[in-house]
Amino acid sequence: MILIMRKPIHKFTKYSDLKEMLQESGKKFGDRPAYIFKTEKKDKFMEITHKEFRDEINALGTVLINMGLKDKRIAVISENRYEWEIAYLSIVCGTGIGVSITANKVKGIRCALCHDVFSAKATRAHNDTNMLAMGQRVIGEGLALEILKAWLEGQYEGGRHDQRIAKMMAYEGEN
């Protein structure tokens, strides 16, 4: 059953892009915590405000531009953590193409660029992908969430696909 809502359940602000959202969140929520996470010291937590979060993203973006990386393809590969989010939001890719190409240059990564649910399911089942790329300007939020769900729930089938995966990984080791 599909429900179509004619009006939003909650009030929300529409933003033109992530940069505008981060700038406005920094202004609106300023010194309120955006993140609270454990540090390496037992029972110690670190708090990052919305303003600090915005400023760190802008600082990294500026450094990348100063390094000559403006309009270059960059991939962020990391475990899920605060620093990853800073890096990701500094270099969000509009099409997903550059991120997927760059990620696949990293040993052991099998990144799939998916813009539909079928491809997300197939790439997990047949290629045992371990990274997903999507284009922010190519698909909408609703479809992106469906693709992500299908990819995360997908399971590698093995069997007839094992030989192809082994060949891909051997080729990676040779080149």
Protein backbone atom coordinates (compact mmCIF):
# COMPACT_ATOMS: atom_id res chain seq x y z
CA MET A 1 0.00 0.00 0.00
CA ILE A 2 1.37 3.41 -0.97
CA LEU A 3 0.23 6.50 0.89
CA ILE A 4 0.65 9.87 -0.74
CA MET A 5 0.70 12.81 1.64
CA ARG A 6 -0.72 16.05 0.30
CA LYS A 7 0.91 18.12 2.99
CA PRO A 8 3.88 17.51 5.29
CA ILE A 9 3.35 16.04 8.75
CA HIS A 10 5.95 18.38 10.26
CA LYS A 11 7.17 21.85 9.40
CA PHE A 12 10.48 21.74 7.57
CA THR A 13 12.86 24.07 5.83
CA LYS A 14 13.67 23.47 2.20
CA TYR A 15 17.34 23.91 1.26
CA SER A 16 18.86 24.17 -2.19
CA ASP A 17 21.88 22.03 -1.25
CA LEU A 18 23.90 20.56 1.63
CA LYS A 19 26.10 23.63 1.94
CA GLU A 20 23.08 25.87 2.55
CA MET A 21 21.69 23.37 5.08
CA LEU A 22 25.00 23.31 7.01
CA GLN A 23 25.30 27.12 6.98
CA GLU A 24 21.74 27.60 8.23
CA SER A 25 22.06 24.85 10.87
CA GLY A 26 25.22 26.53 12.16
CA LYS A 27 23.36 29.84 12.47
CA LYS A 28 20.13 28.43 13.88
CA PHE A 29 21.52 25.89 16.35
CA GLY A 30 24.97 27.47 16.91
CA ASP A 31 26.21 26.30 20.29
CA ARG A 32 23.81 23.38 20.65
CA PRO A 33 25.39 19.91 20.34
CA ALA A 34 25.40 18.37 16.87
CA TYR A 35 27.46 15.36 17.99
CA ILE A 36 28.32 13.76 21.30
CA PHE A 37 30.67 10.80 21.16
CA LYS A 38 32.97 8.77 23.39
CA THR A 39 36.65 9.56 23.50
CA GLU A 40 39.43 7.04 24.11
CA LYS A 41 39.42 7.99 27.80
CA LYS A 42 37.00 5.91 29.85
CA ASP A 43 33.64 7.61 30.48
CA LYS A 44 34.76 10.80 28.70
CA PHE A 45 32.64 12.32 25.96
CA MET A 46 33.34 15.01 23.38
CA GLU A 47 30.72 17.47 22.26
CA ILE A 48 30.75 19.18 18.85
CA THR A 49 28.36 22.09 18.32
CA HIS A 50 26.53 22.79 15.06
CA LYS A 51 28.76 25.84 14.53
CA GLU A 52 31.94 23.80 15.09
CA PHE A 53 30.67 21.08 12.75
CA ARG A 54 29.95 23.62 10.01
CA ASP A 55 33.29 25.37 10.51
CA GLU A 56 35.26 22.08 10.36
CA ILE A 57 33.57 21.12 7.09
CA ASN A 58 34.30 24.55 5.62
CA ALA A 59 37.92 24.39 6.83
CA LEU A 60 38.54 20.99 5.24
CA GLY A 61 36.85 22.11 2.03
CA THR A 62 39.13 25.17 1.93
CA VAL A 63 42.24 23.03 2.49
CA LEU A 64 41.22 20.67 -0.35
CA ILE A 65 40.68 23.63 -2.69
CA ASN A 66 44.06 25.11 -1.69
CA MET A 67 45.66 21.74 -2.45
CA GLY A 68 44.37 22.07 -6.03
CA LEU A 69 41.60 19.53 -5.59
CA LYS A 70 38.68 21.76 -6.59
CA ASP A 71 36.53 19.94 -9.17
CA LYS A 72 38.66 16.79 -8.72
CA ARG A 73 37.34 13.35 -7.87
CA ILE A 74 37.84 12.35 -4.24
CA ALA A 75 36.65 9.26 -2.37
CA VAL A 76 36.28 9.02 1.40
CA ILE A 77 36.77 5.52 2.72
CA SER A 78 36.55 4.98 6.44
CA GLU A 79 34.65 3.40 9.25
CA ASN A 80 31.53 5.24 10.34
CA ARG A 81 32.75 8.04 12.57
CA TYR A 82 32.63 11.79 13.03
CA GLU A 83 35.79 12.48 10.99
CA TRP A 84 34.34 10.53 8.06
CA GLU A 85 31.23 12.69 8.07
CA ILE A 86 33.33 15.86 8.03
CA ALA A 87 35.26 14.57 5.02
CA TYR A 88 32.18 13.28 3.21
CA LEU A 89 30.23 16.50 3.57
CA SER A 90 33.26 18.41 2.30
CA ILE A 91 33.33 16.50 -0.99
CA VAL A 92 29.81 15.26 -1.77
CA CYS A 93 29.71 14.04 -5.35
CA GLY A 94 26.87 15.11 -7.62
CA THR A 95 26.85 12.10 -9.94
CA GLY A 96 28.58 9.39 -7.90
CA ILE A 97 30.79 8.54 -10.87
CA GLY A 98 34.01 10.10 -9.58
CA VAL A 99 33.58 8.62 -6.12
CA SER A 100 32.97 5.10 -7.47
CA ILE A 101 35.91 5.25 -9.90
CA THR A 102 38.27 6.54 -7.21
CA ALA A 103 37.05 4.08 -4.59
CA ASN A 104 37.65 1.16 -6.95
CA LYS A 105 41.32 2.13 -7.14
CA VAL A 106 41.67 1.16 -3.46
CA LYS A 107 42.74 -2.43 -2.93
CA GLY A 108 39.88 -4.61 -1.75
CA ILE A 109 37.10 -2.15 -2.59
CA ARG A 110 34.31 -3.23 -4.91
CA CYS A 111 32.24 -0.07 -5.21
CA ALA A 112 29.03 -0.04 -7.23
CA LEU A 113 27.40 3.10 -8.61
CA CYS A 114 23.66 2.48 -8.36
CA HIS A 115 20.76 4.64 -9.42
CA ASP A 116 18.05 1.96 -9.18
CA VAL A 117 16.97 -0.74 -6.74
CA PHE A 118 17.53 -3.65 -9.16
CA SER A 119 21.21 -2.74 -9.64
CA ALA A 120 21.70 -2.37 -5.89
CA LYS A 121 20.30 -5.87 -5.29
CA ALA A 122 22.21 -7.42 -8.21
CA THR A 123 25.56 -5.87 -7.32
CA ARG A 124 25.38 -7.32 -3.81
CA ALA A 125 24.13 -10.73 -4.97
CA HIS A 126 26.48 -11.17 -7.94
CA ASN A 127 29.52 -8.98 -7.23
CA ASP A 128 29.70 -8.97 -3.41
CA THR A 129 30.19 -5.19 -3.43
CA ASN A 130 31.41 -3.61 -0.21
CA MET A 131 30.76 0.04 -1.05
CA LEU A 132 27.85 1.90 -2.62
CA ALA A 133 27.97 5.20 -4.50
CA MET A 134 24.98 7.29 -5.55
CA GLY A 135 24.72 10.65 -7.27
CA GLN A 136 23.16 13.46 -5.24
CA ARG A 137 22.05 15.28 -8.42
CA VAL A 138 20.88 12.10 -10.18
CA ILE A 139 18.35 10.57 -7.79
CA GLY A 140 15.98 11.91 -5.18
CA GLU A 141 16.11 11.23 -1.46
CA GLY A 142 13.27 8.69 -1.49
CA LEU A 143 14.86 6.56 -4.21
CA ALA A 144 18.28 6.90 -2.56
CA LEU A 145 16.86 5.43 0.65
CA GLU A 146 15.23 2.55 -1.26
CA ILE A 147 18.53 1.83 -3.05
CA LEU A 148 20.48 1.95 0.21
CA LYS A 149 18.00 -0.38 1.93
CA ALA A 150 18.13 -2.88 -0.95
CA TRP A 151 21.94 -2.78 -0.98
CA LEU A 152 22.28 -3.17 2.79
CA GLU A 153 19.79 -6.04 2.91
CA GLY A 154 21.32 -7.75 -0.13
CA GLN A 155 23.27 -10.96 0.34
CA TYR A 156 26.05 -12.37 -1.78
CA GLU A 157 24.86 -15.54 -3.55
CA GLY A 158 28.30 -17.06 -4.00
CA GLY A 159 28.35 -20.20 -6.15
CA ARG A 160 28.66 -19.34 -9.84
CA HIS A 161 29.81 -15.81 -8.93
CA ASP A 162 32.82 -16.90 -6.83
CA GLN A 163 35.06 -17.51 -9.85
CA ARG A 164 34.37 -14.04 -11.30
CA ILE A 165 35.07 -12.35 -7.95
CA ALA A 166 38.33 -14.29 -7.64
CA LYS A 167 39.35 -13.15 -11.14
CA MET A 168 38.56 -9.52 -10.31
CA MET A 169 40.59 -9.67 -7.12
CA ALA A 170 43.51 -11.43 -8.85
CA TYR A 171 43.49 -8.75 -11.57
CA GLU A 172 43.56 -6.08 -8.88
CA GLY A 173 46.66 -7.70 -7.35
CA GLU A 174 48.44 -7.80 -10.71
CA ASN A 175 47.85 -4.16 -11.64
